[in-house]
Amino acid sequence: MPQDVGCAVVTYVQHGRPQSLHRQVFLQCRPPFQPLTHRAVWWMVQHAFQRAGMAIRPRTGSHLFRHTAASHMLNHGASFKEVADVLGHCSLQTTGIYAKLELDALAAVALPWLGGAPCTRIS
């Protein structure tokens, strides 16, 4: 998480979050201060896309943030295990659905193919 985002979350928790017995960080902004539902988050994402003038695909929603966070972490040096832990995945295969590598960045660090040497199959 970028430092400015972390600071904003800490400020919200310390000074802006309504008193509640709920453990979730983000709550509805009006009483009763219930945890946000996935539907409410989806609606906020849709509304933000519209305000930004972005095209909205039918299935675009808050999961876009999970995909973006996973890919960003992976492309900045985090391991699949670390990404899985942040996303709460038990399986690295599930994490692979979310985390996409930047192929151009991989190509820049890949060793060149030596050409003429035939490939040998290891049995």
N, C-alpha and C. Protein backbone atom coordinates (compact mmCIF):
# COMPACT_ATOMS: atom_id res chain seq x y z
N MET A 1 0.86 -1.17 0.00
CA MET A 1 0.00 0.00 0.00
C MET A 1 0.90 1.23 0.00
N PRO A 2 0.64 2.18 -0.89
CA PRO A 2 1.45 3.40 -0.88
C PRO A 2 1.32 4.13 0.45
N GLN A 3 2.36 4.84 0.84
CA GLN A 3 2.38 5.49 2.14
C GLN A 3 1.24 6.49 2.31
N ASP A 4 0.93 7.27 1.28
CA ASP A 4 -0.13 8.27 1.41
C ASP A 4 -1.49 7.61 1.63
N VAL A 5 -1.71 6.46 0.99
CA VAL A 5 -2.96 5.73 1.19
C VAL A 5 -3.02 5.17 2.61
N GLY A 6 -1.90 4.60 3.07
CA GLY A 6 -1.83 4.08 4.44
C GLY A 6 -2.10 5.17 5.46
N CYS A 7 -1.52 6.34 5.25
CA CYS A 7 -1.74 7.47 6.17
C CYS A 7 -3.21 7.90 6.17
N ALA A 8 -3.82 7.90 4.99
CA ALA A 8 -5.23 8.27 4.90
C ALA A 8 -6.11 7.27 5.65
N VAL A 9 -5.80 5.98 5.52
CA VAL A 9 -6.58 4.95 6.22
C VAL A 9 -6.41 5.11 7.74
N VAL A 10 -5.18 5.34 8.19
CA VAL A 10 -4.93 5.52 9.62
C VAL A 10 -5.70 6.73 10.14
N THR A 11 -5.66 7.84 9.40
CA THR A 11 -6.39 9.05 9.81
C THR A 11 -7.88 8.76 9.89
N TYR A 12 -8.42 8.02 8.91
CA TYR A 12 -9.84 7.67 8.93
C TYR A 12 -10.17 6.83 10.16
N VAL A 13 -9.36 5.83 10.44
CA VAL A 13 -9.63 4.95 11.58
C VAL A 13 -9.54 5.72 12.90
N GLN A 14 -8.56 6.60 13.00
CA GLN A 14 -8.36 7.33 14.25
C GLN A 14 -9.34 8.49 14.44
N HIS A 15 -9.75 9.14 13.34
CA HIS A 15 -10.52 10.37 13.50
C HIS A 15 -11.85 10.42 12.74
N GLY A 16 -12.03 9.59 11.74
CA GLY A 16 -13.22 9.71 10.91
C GLY A 16 -14.18 8.55 10.99
N ARG A 17 -13.71 7.40 11.41
CA ARG A 17 -14.56 6.21 11.43
C ARG A 17 -15.55 6.30 12.58
N PRO A 18 -16.83 6.08 12.30
CA PRO A 18 -17.83 6.12 13.38
C PRO A 18 -17.58 4.99 14.39
N GLN A 19 -18.00 5.22 15.61
CA GLN A 19 -17.91 4.19 16.64
C GLN A 19 -18.81 3.03 16.24
N SER A 20 -18.27 1.82 16.33
CA SER A 20 -19.04 0.65 15.94
C SER A 20 -18.43 -0.59 16.56
N LEU A 21 -19.26 -1.59 16.80
CA LEU A 21 -18.77 -2.87 17.29
C LEU A 21 -18.25 -3.74 16.15
N HIS A 22 -18.51 -3.33 14.92
CA HIS A 22 -18.07 -4.10 13.75
C HIS A 22 -16.56 -3.97 13.57
N ARG A 23 -15.93 -5.06 13.16
CA ARG A 23 -14.47 -5.08 12.97
C ARG A 23 -14.03 -4.57 11.60
N GLN A 24 -14.93 -4.55 10.64
CA GLN A 24 -14.57 -4.07 9.31
C GLN A 24 -14.11 -2.61 9.40
N VAL A 25 -13.14 -2.27 8.56
CA VAL A 25 -12.58 -0.92 8.61
C VAL A 25 -13.58 0.10 8.09
N PHE A 26 -14.16 -0.17 6.92
CA PHE A 26 -15.02 0.82 6.29
C PHE A 26 -16.49 0.50 6.55
N LEU A 27 -17.20 1.54 6.99
CA LEU A 27 -18.60 1.41 7.35
C LEU A 27 -19.44 2.37 6.53
N GLN A 28 -20.75 2.12 6.52
CA GLN A 28 -21.66 3.07 5.88
C GLN A 28 -21.49 4.42 6.57
N CYS A 29 -21.71 5.49 5.83
CA CYS A 29 -21.47 6.82 6.38
C CYS A 29 -22.66 7.38 7.16
N ARG A 30 -23.79 6.66 7.15
CA ARG A 30 -24.97 7.10 7.88
C ARG A 30 -25.40 5.99 8.86
N PRO A 31 -26.00 6.40 9.99
CA PRO A 31 -26.47 5.38 10.92
C PRO A 31 -27.54 4.50 10.26
N PRO A 32 -27.65 3.26 10.60
CA PRO A 32 -26.73 2.54 11.50
C PRO A 32 -25.42 2.24 10.77
N PHE A 33 -24.32 2.40 11.45
CA PHE A 33 -23.01 2.27 10.83
C PHE A 33 -22.65 0.80 10.65
N GLN A 34 -23.20 0.22 9.59
CA GLN A 34 -22.99 -1.18 9.25
C GLN A 34 -21.79 -1.30 8.31
N PRO A 35 -21.18 -2.49 8.25
CA PRO A 35 -20.11 -2.71 7.25
C PRO A 35 -20.66 -2.53 5.84
N LEU A 36 -19.80 -2.07 4.94
CA LEU A 36 -20.20 -1.93 3.55
C LEU A 36 -20.43 -3.31 2.95
N THR A 37 -21.48 -3.45 2.19
CA THR A 37 -21.73 -4.71 1.49
C THR A 37 -20.97 -4.70 0.18
N HIS A 38 -20.78 -5.88 -0.42
CA HIS A 38 -20.10 -5.93 -1.71
C HIS A 38 -20.90 -5.16 -2.76
N ARG A 39 -22.21 -5.12 -2.60
CA ARG A 39 -23.07 -4.38 -3.54
C ARG A 39 -22.81 -2.88 -3.44
N ALA A 40 -22.64 -2.38 -2.22
CA ALA A 40 -22.37 -0.95 -2.03
C ALA A 40 -21.03 -0.57 -2.62
N VAL A 41 -20.03 -1.42 -2.44
CA VAL A 41 -18.71 -1.15 -3.01
C VAL A 41 -18.80 -1.18 -4.53
N TRP A 42 -19.51 -2.16 -5.08
CA TRP A 42 -19.69 -2.25 -6.53
C TRP A 42 -20.32 -0.97 -7.07
N TRP A 43 -21.35 -0.48 -6.40
CA TRP A 43 -22.03 0.73 -6.84
C TRP A 43 -21.08 1.92 -6.81
N MET A 44 -20.26 2.04 -5.76
CA MET A 44 -19.31 3.16 -5.65
C MET A 44 -18.29 3.11 -6.79
N VAL A 45 -17.82 1.92 -7.13
CA VAL A 45 -16.87 1.76 -8.23
C VAL A 45 -17.52 2.18 -9.54
N GLN A 46 -18.75 1.73 -9.78
CA GLN A 46 -19.46 2.10 -11.00
C GLN A 46 -19.63 3.62 -11.09
N HIS A 47 -20.01 4.21 -9.99
CA HIS A 47 -20.23 5.66 -9.94
C HIS A 47 -18.91 6.41 -10.19
N ALA A 48 -17.83 5.94 -9.61
CA ALA A 48 -16.52 6.58 -9.82
C ALA A 48 -16.09 6.46 -11.28
N PHE A 49 -16.33 5.31 -11.91
CA PHE A 49 -16.02 5.15 -13.33
C PHE A 49 -16.81 6.15 -14.17
N GLN A 50 -18.08 6.29 -13.87
CA GLN A 50 -18.92 7.24 -14.62
C GLN A 50 -18.41 8.67 -14.46
N ARG A 51 -18.08 9.06 -13.23
CA ARG A 51 -17.58 10.42 -12.99
C ARG A 51 -16.27 10.67 -13.73
N ALA A 52 -15.45 9.63 -13.86
CA ALA A 52 -14.16 9.76 -14.54
C ALA A 52 -14.32 9.67 -16.06
N GLY A 53 -15.52 9.39 -16.53
CA GLY A 53 -15.76 9.29 -17.96
C GLY A 53 -15.21 8.01 -18.57
N MET A 54 -15.03 7.00 -17.75
CA MET A 54 -14.50 5.72 -18.22
C MET A 54 -15.63 4.83 -18.70
N ALA A 55 -15.33 4.08 -19.74
CA ALA A 55 -16.31 3.11 -20.24
C ALA A 55 -16.51 2.03 -19.19
N ILE A 56 -17.75 1.67 -18.98
CA ILE A 56 -18.07 0.66 -17.97
C ILE A 56 -18.45 -0.63 -18.67
N ARG A 57 -17.68 -1.67 -18.41
CA ARG A 57 -18.04 -2.99 -18.93
C ARG A 57 -19.02 -3.61 -17.95
N PRO A 58 -19.86 -4.51 -18.41
CA PRO A 58 -20.88 -5.08 -17.53
C PRO A 58 -20.33 -5.73 -16.26
N ARG A 59 -19.16 -6.36 -16.33
CA ARG A 59 -18.66 -7.08 -15.16
C ARG A 59 -17.55 -6.33 -14.42
N THR A 60 -17.33 -5.07 -14.80
CA THR A 60 -16.31 -4.28 -14.11
C THR A 60 -16.83 -3.91 -12.74
N GLY A 61 -16.02 -4.11 -11.75
CA GLY A 61 -16.43 -3.77 -10.40
C GLY A 61 -15.25 -3.74 -9.46
N SER A 62 -15.53 -3.93 -8.20
CA SER A 62 -14.50 -3.79 -7.18
C SER A 62 -13.41 -4.86 -7.28
N HIS A 63 -13.69 -5.99 -7.94
CA HIS A 63 -12.65 -7.01 -8.11
C HIS A 63 -11.51 -6.49 -8.97
N LEU A 64 -11.80 -5.46 -9.76
CA LEU A 64 -10.75 -4.82 -10.55
C LEU A 64 -9.61 -4.36 -9.64
N PHE A 65 -9.95 -3.90 -8.43
CA PHE A 65 -8.93 -3.45 -7.49
C PHE A 65 -8.06 -4.61 -7.01
N ARG A 66 -8.66 -5.77 -6.82
CA ARG A 66 -7.88 -6.95 -6.40
C ARG A 66 -6.91 -7.34 -7.51
N HIS A 67 -7.40 -7.34 -8.76
CA HIS A 67 -6.52 -7.67 -9.89
C HIS A 67 -5.38 -6.67 -9.99
N THR A 68 -5.70 -5.39 -9.87
CA THR A 68 -4.69 -4.34 -9.99
C THR A 68 -3.67 -4.45 -8.86
N ALA A 69 -4.13 -4.63 -7.64
CA ALA A 69 -3.21 -4.73 -6.51
C ALA A 69 -2.30 -5.94 -6.65
N ALA A 70 -2.86 -7.08 -7.04
CA ALA A 70 -2.05 -8.29 -7.19
C ALA A 70 -1.00 -8.11 -8.27
N SER A 71 -1.39 -7.57 -9.41
CA SER A 71 -0.44 -7.37 -10.51
C SER A 71 0.63 -6.36 -10.12
N HIS A 72 0.23 -5.30 -9.47
CA HIS A 72 1.18 -4.27 -9.04
C HIS A 72 2.20 -4.85 -8.06
N MET A 73 1.73 -5.61 -7.09
CA MET A 73 2.64 -6.23 -6.12
C MET A 73 3.64 -7.15 -6.82
N LEU A 74 3.11 -8.00 -7.69
CA LEU A 74 3.95 -8.99 -8.37
C LEU A 74 4.98 -8.31 -9.26
N ASN A 75 4.57 -7.29 -9.97
CA ASN A 75 5.47 -6.59 -10.88
C ASN A 75 6.46 -5.68 -10.17
N HIS A 76 6.29 -5.52 -8.87
CA HIS A 76 7.24 -4.72 -8.08
C HIS A 76 7.99 -5.58 -7.06
N GLY A 77 8.08 -6.89 -7.35
CA GLY A 77 8.98 -7.73 -6.58
C GLY A 77 8.37 -8.63 -5.52
N ALA A 78 7.07 -8.54 -5.28
CA ALA A 78 6.45 -9.42 -4.29
C ALA A 78 6.38 -10.84 -4.85
N SER A 79 6.47 -11.81 -3.98
CA SER A 79 6.35 -13.21 -4.40
C SER A 79 4.86 -13.57 -4.54
N PHE A 80 4.58 -14.66 -5.25
CA PHE A 80 3.20 -15.14 -5.35
C PHE A 80 2.64 -15.43 -3.96
N LYS A 81 3.46 -15.97 -3.08
CA LYS A 81 3.01 -16.28 -1.71
C LYS A 81 2.60 -15.00 -0.98
N GLU A 82 3.39 -13.93 -1.14
CA GLU A 82 3.04 -12.67 -0.49
C GLU A 82 1.74 -12.11 -1.04
N VAL A 83 1.57 -12.18 -2.35
CA VAL A 83 0.33 -11.70 -2.97
C VAL A 83 -0.85 -12.55 -2.48
N ALA A 84 -0.67 -13.85 -2.43
CA ALA A 84 -1.73 -14.75 -1.95
C ALA A 84 -2.12 -14.40 -0.51
N ASP A 85 -1.13 -14.12 0.31
CA ASP A 85 -1.42 -13.76 1.71
C ASP A 85 -2.24 -12.48 1.80
N VAL A 86 -1.88 -11.47 1.02
CA VAL A 86 -2.62 -10.21 1.04
C VAL A 86 -4.05 -10.40 0.55
N LEU A 87 -4.22 -11.20 -0.49
CA LEU A 87 -5.56 -11.42 -1.04
C LEU A 87 -6.37 -12.44 -0.25
N GLY A 88 -5.70 -13.15 0.66
CA GLY A 88 -6.41 -14.14 1.46
C GLY A 88 -6.65 -15.45 0.74
N HIS A 89 -5.78 -15.78 -0.22
CA HIS A 89 -5.94 -17.02 -0.98
C HIS A 89 -5.18 -18.17 -0.32
N CYS A 90 -5.78 -19.33 -0.30
CA CYS A 90 -5.11 -20.54 0.17
C CYS A 90 -4.31 -21.18 -0.96
N SER A 91 -4.75 -20.97 -2.18
CA SER A 91 -4.14 -21.60 -3.34
C SER A 91 -3.41 -20.57 -4.20
N LEU A 92 -2.17 -20.91 -4.59
CA LEU A 92 -1.43 -20.04 -5.49
C LEU A 92 -2.06 -20.01 -6.88
N GLN A 93 -2.79 -21.07 -7.23
CA GLN A 93 -3.49 -21.08 -8.52
C GLN A 93 -4.55 -19.98 -8.57
N THR A 94 -5.23 -19.76 -7.48
CA THR A 94 -6.21 -18.69 -7.42
C THR A 94 -5.52 -17.34 -7.57
N THR A 95 -4.38 -17.19 -6.93
CA THR A 95 -3.62 -15.95 -7.04
C THR A 95 -3.20 -15.70 -8.48
N GLY A 96 -2.88 -16.76 -9.21
CA GLY A 96 -2.49 -16.63 -10.60
C GLY A 96 -3.58 -16.03 -11.47
N ILE A 97 -4.83 -16.19 -11.07
CA ILE A 97 -5.95 -15.59 -11.81
C ILE A 97 -5.89 -14.07 -11.68
N TYR A 98 -5.48 -13.60 -10.53
CA TYR A 98 -5.46 -12.17 -10.24
C TYR A 98 -4.17 -11.49 -10.68
N ALA A 99 -3.04 -12.12 -10.42
CA ALA A 99 -1.74 -11.49 -10.63
C ALA A 99 -1.25 -11.74 -12.04
N LYS A 100 -1.08 -10.70 -12.81
CA LYS A 100 -0.59 -10.80 -14.18
C LYS A 100 0.78 -10.14 -14.27
N LEU A 101 1.70 -10.83 -14.92
CA LEU A 101 3.04 -10.30 -15.10
C LEU A 101 3.10 -9.36 -16.30
N GLU A 102 3.96 -8.35 -16.20
CA GLU A 102 4.22 -7.48 -17.34
C GLU A 102 5.25 -8.17 -18.22
N LEU A 103 4.82 -8.69 -19.35
CA LEU A 103 5.70 -9.48 -20.20
C LEU A 103 6.86 -8.66 -20.75
N ASP A 104 6.65 -7.37 -21.01
CA ASP A 104 7.75 -6.52 -21.48
C ASP A 104 8.84 -6.43 -20.43
N ALA A 105 8.45 -6.34 -19.16
CA ALA A 105 9.44 -6.27 -18.08
C ALA A 105 10.19 -7.60 -17.97
N LEU A 106 9.50 -8.71 -18.17
CA LEU A 106 10.16 -10.01 -18.13
C LEU A 106 11.14 -10.16 -19.30
N ALA A 107 10.75 -9.68 -20.47
CA ALA A 107 11.61 -9.79 -21.64
C ALA A 107 12.91 -9.03 -21.44
N ALA A 108 12.85 -7.95 -20.69
CA ALA A 108 14.05 -7.14 -20.46
C ALA A 108 15.08 -7.86 -19.60
N VAL A 109 14.64 -8.80 -18.77
CA VAL A 109 15.58 -9.50 -17.89
C VAL A 109 15.82 -10.94 -18.32
N ALA A 110 15.14 -11.39 -19.36
CA ALA A 110 15.31 -12.77 -19.84
C ALA A 110 16.67 -12.94 -20.52
N LEU A 111 17.24 -14.10 -20.37
CA LEU A 111 18.50 -14.40 -21.05
C LEU A 111 18.23 -14.63 -22.53
N PRO A 112 19.14 -14.17 -23.39
CA PRO A 112 18.91 -14.37 -24.82
C PRO A 112 19.06 -15.84 -25.20
N TRP A 113 18.30 -16.26 -26.22
CA TRP A 113 18.38 -17.62 -26.74
C TRP A 113 19.64 -17.71 -27.58
N LEU A 114 20.43 -18.74 -27.35
CA LEU A 114 21.72 -18.87 -28.02
C LEU A 114 21.60 -19.40 -29.45
N GLY A 115 20.42 -19.69 -29.85
CA GLY A 115 20.22 -20.05 -31.24
C GLY A 115 20.50 -21.51 -31.55
N GLY A 116 21.45 -21.76 -32.44
CA GLY A 116 21.71 -23.04 -33.06
C GLY A 116 21.76 -24.28 -32.20
N ALA A 117 21.97 -24.17 -30.92
CA ALA A 117 22.06 -25.37 -30.09
C ALA A 117 20.70 -26.04 -30.04
N PRO A 118 20.65 -27.34 -30.34
CA PRO A 118 19.35 -28.04 -30.32
C PRO A 118 18.85 -28.19 -28.88
N CYS A 119 17.55 -28.20 -28.75
CA CYS A 119 16.92 -28.42 -27.44
C CYS A 119 17.04 -29.89 -27.10
N THR A 120 17.40 -30.20 -25.90
CA THR A 120 17.45 -31.60 -25.47
C THR A 120 16.36 -31.81 -24.44
N ARG A 121 15.73 -32.94 -24.56
CA ARG A 121 14.67 -33.26 -23.65
C ARG A 121 15.26 -34.04 -22.47
N ILE A 122 14.91 -33.62 -21.29
CA ILE A 122 15.37 -34.30 -20.09
C ILE A 122 14.32 -35.33 -19.71
N SER A 123 14.75 -36.58 -19.57
CA SER A 123 13.79 -37.65 -19.24
C SER A 123 13.77 -37.89 -17.76
